[in-house]
Amino acid sequence: DCRQMDMDKYSPQLAAALTPARLRHSLGVMQVMGEVAEVYGLDREQAMTAGLLHDAAKDFTPEQQEAGYRACGYQLKHAVERDYNLYLHGPVCAHVAERDYGVTDRLTLNAIKTHTAVDGDDFDHPLSWCLRFSDLLEPNRNWRDVPWLAKGLPRLRDAAFSGRLDEAALLQYGWVDQWFTAF
């Protein structure tokens, strides 16, 4: 069972680094990644690892965030990327996945990095898109405060789980603008 194998490999370190809610979210993303891996012919373990570790540094303190940003070497291209919670945690989490969890697979690391970063290697790879979809679709997320997104998620789920990657990507990409307009 990949779920148990991943948890055995990365626990208790991951559990110590994340709040219980973030760990629950990461487990949900890992679950969805395991499901969509079949749809897109992805390596299941690779997909589940990306899902599990995609937010490995999201609960960093502001000091850890700054140190992680300096250490990861990500070059900001837009001022808005400086927002750790929305953008910068992806590159930092990829760095932490490599440094602290021993992940060496470039595609996995790039998927983690680009789940928030606006560009990067493998940005358009199905693994990267599936991680973005899974981050929204995981079963523990509560989108009550974002009704327009909650309303659109069934359509994203249908497209993503039916193998219509381009349609799912366009849906999600279109929500980025709506997200920033709403908030």
Protein backbone atom coordinates (compact mmCIF):
# COMPACT_ATOMS: atom_id res chain seq x y z
CA ASP A 1 0.00 0.00 0.00
CA CYS A 2 1.64 3.24 -1.22
CA ARG A 3 -0.13 5.36 1.38
CA GLN A 4 1.36 3.42 4.27
CA MET A 5 4.76 3.24 2.60
CA ASP A 6 4.89 7.01 2.11
CA MET A 7 3.73 7.74 5.63
CA ASP A 8 6.24 5.29 7.10
CA LYS A 9 9.02 6.89 5.07
CA TYR A 10 8.23 10.51 5.92
CA SER A 11 6.75 10.26 9.43
CA PRO A 12 7.14 11.36 12.17
CA GLN A 13 9.14 14.20 10.62
CA LEU A 14 6.22 15.42 8.51
CA ALA A 15 3.75 15.12 11.37
CA ALA A 16 6.09 17.21 13.54
CA ALA A 17 6.47 19.88 10.85
CA LEU A 18 2.78 20.37 10.07
CA THR A 19 -0.31 21.30 12.02
CA PRO A 20 -2.85 18.48 12.29
CA ALA A 21 -5.09 20.28 9.78
CA ARG A 22 -2.24 20.69 7.26
CA LEU A 23 -1.23 17.05 7.68
CA ARG A 24 -4.85 15.99 7.06
CA HIS A 25 -4.87 18.20 3.94
CA SER A 26 -1.58 16.70 2.71
CA LEU A 27 -2.91 13.18 3.23
CA GLY A 28 -6.00 14.13 1.24
CA VAL A 29 -3.90 15.52 -1.60
CA MET A 30 -1.81 12.34 -1.54
CA GLN A 31 -5.00 10.28 -1.80
CA VAL A 32 -6.31 12.24 -4.79
CA MET A 33 -2.89 12.10 -6.46
CA GLY A 34 -2.95 8.31 -6.16
CA GLU A 35 -6.34 8.29 -7.85
CA VAL A 36 -5.50 10.63 -10.74
CA ALA A 37 -2.15 8.91 -11.33
CA GLU A 38 -4.06 6.05 -12.93
CA VAL A 39 -6.04 8.39 -15.17
CA TYR A 40 -2.90 10.02 -16.60
CA GLY A 41 -0.57 7.02 -16.55
CA LEU A 42 1.64 8.59 -13.89
CA ASP A 43 3.86 6.71 -11.49
CA ARG A 44 1.62 6.24 -8.45
CA GLU A 45 4.38 6.47 -5.83
CA GLN A 46 5.83 9.58 -7.46
CA ALA A 47 2.39 11.21 -7.58
CA MET A 48 1.55 10.32 -3.99
CA THR A 49 4.92 11.56 -2.75
CA ALA A 50 4.35 14.91 -4.49
CA GLY A 51 0.91 15.11 -2.90
CA LEU A 52 2.10 14.25 0.56
CA LEU A 53 5.06 16.66 0.57
CA HIS A 54 3.61 19.55 -1.46
CA ASP A 55 3.05 21.65 1.71
CA ALA A 56 5.92 20.25 3.81
CA ALA A 57 7.13 23.78 4.67
CA LYS A 58 3.81 25.62 4.60
CA ASP A 59 3.63 25.90 8.39
CA PHE A 60 7.08 27.42 8.73
CA THR A 61 7.46 30.42 11.02
CA PRO A 62 8.15 33.74 9.25
CA GLU A 63 11.86 33.34 10.10
CA GLN A 64 11.92 29.81 8.66
CA GLN A 65 10.04 31.03 5.58
CA GLU A 66 12.66 33.71 4.95
CA ALA A 67 15.53 31.27 5.47
CA GLY A 68 13.80 28.72 3.22
CA TYR A 69 13.31 31.31 0.51
CA ARG A 70 16.97 32.31 0.63
CA ALA A 71 18.08 28.66 0.59
CA CYS A 72 15.83 27.47 -2.25
CA GLY A 73 17.31 29.87 -4.80
CA TYR A 74 13.97 30.73 -6.41
CA GLN A 75 14.13 34.00 -8.32
CA LEU A 76 11.03 36.14 -7.95
CA LYS A 77 9.74 37.39 -11.26
CA HIS A 78 6.72 39.26 -9.92
CA ALA A 79 6.30 41.16 -6.65
CA VAL A 80 3.14 39.20 -5.84
CA GLU A 81 5.22 36.00 -5.63
CA ARG A 82 6.64 37.26 -2.34
CA ASP A 83 3.41 36.09 -0.64
CA TYR A 84 4.55 32.93 1.11
CA ASN A 85 1.15 31.33 1.64
CA LEU A 86 -0.08 31.75 -1.93
CA TYR A 87 3.09 31.47 -4.01
CA LEU A 88 6.45 31.12 -2.38
CA HIS A 89 5.76 28.02 -0.30
CA GLY A 90 5.86 25.84 -3.44
CA PRO A 91 9.53 26.49 -4.22
CA VAL A 92 10.44 26.35 -0.52
CA CYS A 93 8.54 23.06 -0.06
CA ALA A 94 10.39 21.56 -3.05
CA HIS A 95 13.69 22.60 -1.48
CA VAL A 96 12.64 21.12 1.88
CA ALA A 97 11.42 17.90 0.22
CA GLU A 98 14.88 17.46 -1.28
CA ARG A 99 16.94 18.63 1.69
CA ASP A 100 14.98 17.22 4.62
CA TYR A 101 13.05 14.29 3.13
CA GLY A 102 15.61 13.02 0.63
CA VAL A 103 13.47 13.37 -2.50
CA THR A 104 15.76 13.37 -5.52
CA ASP A 105 13.31 12.87 -8.39
CA ARG A 106 13.34 16.11 -10.40
CA LEU A 107 9.80 15.72 -11.73
CA THR A 108 8.39 15.27 -8.21
CA LEU A 109 10.35 18.28 -6.95
CA ASN A 110 9.31 20.40 -9.92
CA ALA A 111 5.64 19.47 -9.41
CA ILE A 112 5.90 20.57 -5.78
CA LYS A 113 7.67 23.77 -6.79
CA THR A 114 5.20 24.71 -9.53
CA HIS A 115 2.04 23.91 -7.61
CA THR A 116 2.25 27.60 -6.62
CA ALA A 117 5.12 29.15 -8.61
CA VAL A 118 4.16 30.83 -11.84
CA ASP A 119 6.81 29.07 -13.88
CA GLY A 120 9.53 26.50 -13.70
CA ASP A 121 10.70 23.24 -15.20
CA ASP A 122 7.89 20.78 -15.87
CA PHE A 123 5.22 23.44 -15.21
CA ASP A 124 2.96 21.88 -17.86
CA HIS A 125 3.73 18.24 -17.09
CA PRO A 126 0.62 16.22 -16.16
CA LEU A 127 2.12 15.50 -12.71
CA SER A 128 2.34 19.23 -12.00
CA TRP A 129 -1.21 19.90 -13.18
CA CYS A 130 -2.54 16.91 -11.24
CA LEU A 131 -0.95 18.27 -8.08
CA ARG A 132 -2.67 21.62 -8.62
CA PHE A 133 -6.01 19.85 -9.20
CA SER A 134 -5.54 17.58 -6.20
CA ASP A 135 -4.72 20.52 -3.95
CA LEU A 136 -8.21 21.88 -4.67
CA LEU A 137 -10.08 18.58 -4.89
CA GLU A 138 -8.82 16.77 -1.81
CA PRO A 139 -11.76 15.61 0.34
CA ASN A 140 -10.80 17.50 3.51
CA ARG A 141 -11.00 20.97 1.95
CA ASN A 142 -13.89 23.18 2.91
CA TRP A 143 -14.68 25.81 0.34
CA ARG A 144 -17.85 27.21 2.01
CA ASP A 145 -16.21 30.64 2.21
CA VAL A 146 -15.51 30.61 -1.53
CA PRO A 147 -18.90 29.66 -3.01
CA TRP A 148 -17.97 30.34 -6.63
CA LEU A 149 -15.04 27.91 -6.30
CA ALA A 150 -17.12 25.31 -4.46
CA LYS A 151 -19.68 25.52 -7.27
CA GLY A 152 -17.00 24.93 -9.94
CA LEU A 153 -15.19 22.03 -8.27
CA PRO A 154 -17.53 19.30 -9.56
CA ARG A 155 -16.73 20.40 -13.10
CA LEU A 156 -12.99 20.36 -12.31
CA ARG A 157 -13.32 16.92 -10.73
CA ASP A 158 -15.19 15.60 -13.75
CA ALA A 159 -12.64 16.97 -16.21
CA ALA A 160 -9.61 15.88 -14.18
CA PHE A 161 -10.90 12.38 -13.48
CA SER A 162 -12.06 11.92 -17.08
CA GLY A 163 -8.58 12.55 -18.46
CA ARG A 164 -9.44 15.95 -19.93
CA LEU A 165 -6.26 17.63 -18.70
CA ASP A 166 -6.50 20.69 -20.96
CA GLU A 167 -10.08 21.41 -19.89
CA ALA A 168 -9.24 20.98 -16.21
CA ALA A 169 -6.15 23.18 -16.57
CA LEU A 170 -8.14 25.94 -18.29
CA LEU A 171 -10.78 25.81 -15.56
CA GLN A 172 -8.23 26.08 -12.81
CA TYR A 173 -6.15 28.69 -14.58
CA GLY A 174 -9.27 30.82 -15.11
CA TRP A 175 -9.99 30.71 -11.39
CA VAL A 176 -6.66 32.36 -10.59
CA ASP A 177 -7.89 35.70 -11.91
CA GLN A 178 -11.25 35.26 -10.21
CA TRP A 179 -9.48 34.41 -6.93
CA PHE A 180 -7.56 37.68 -6.91
CA THR A 181 -10.60 39.67 -7.94
CA ALA A 182 -12.63 38.16 -5.08
CA PHE A 183 -9.98 38.68 -2.41
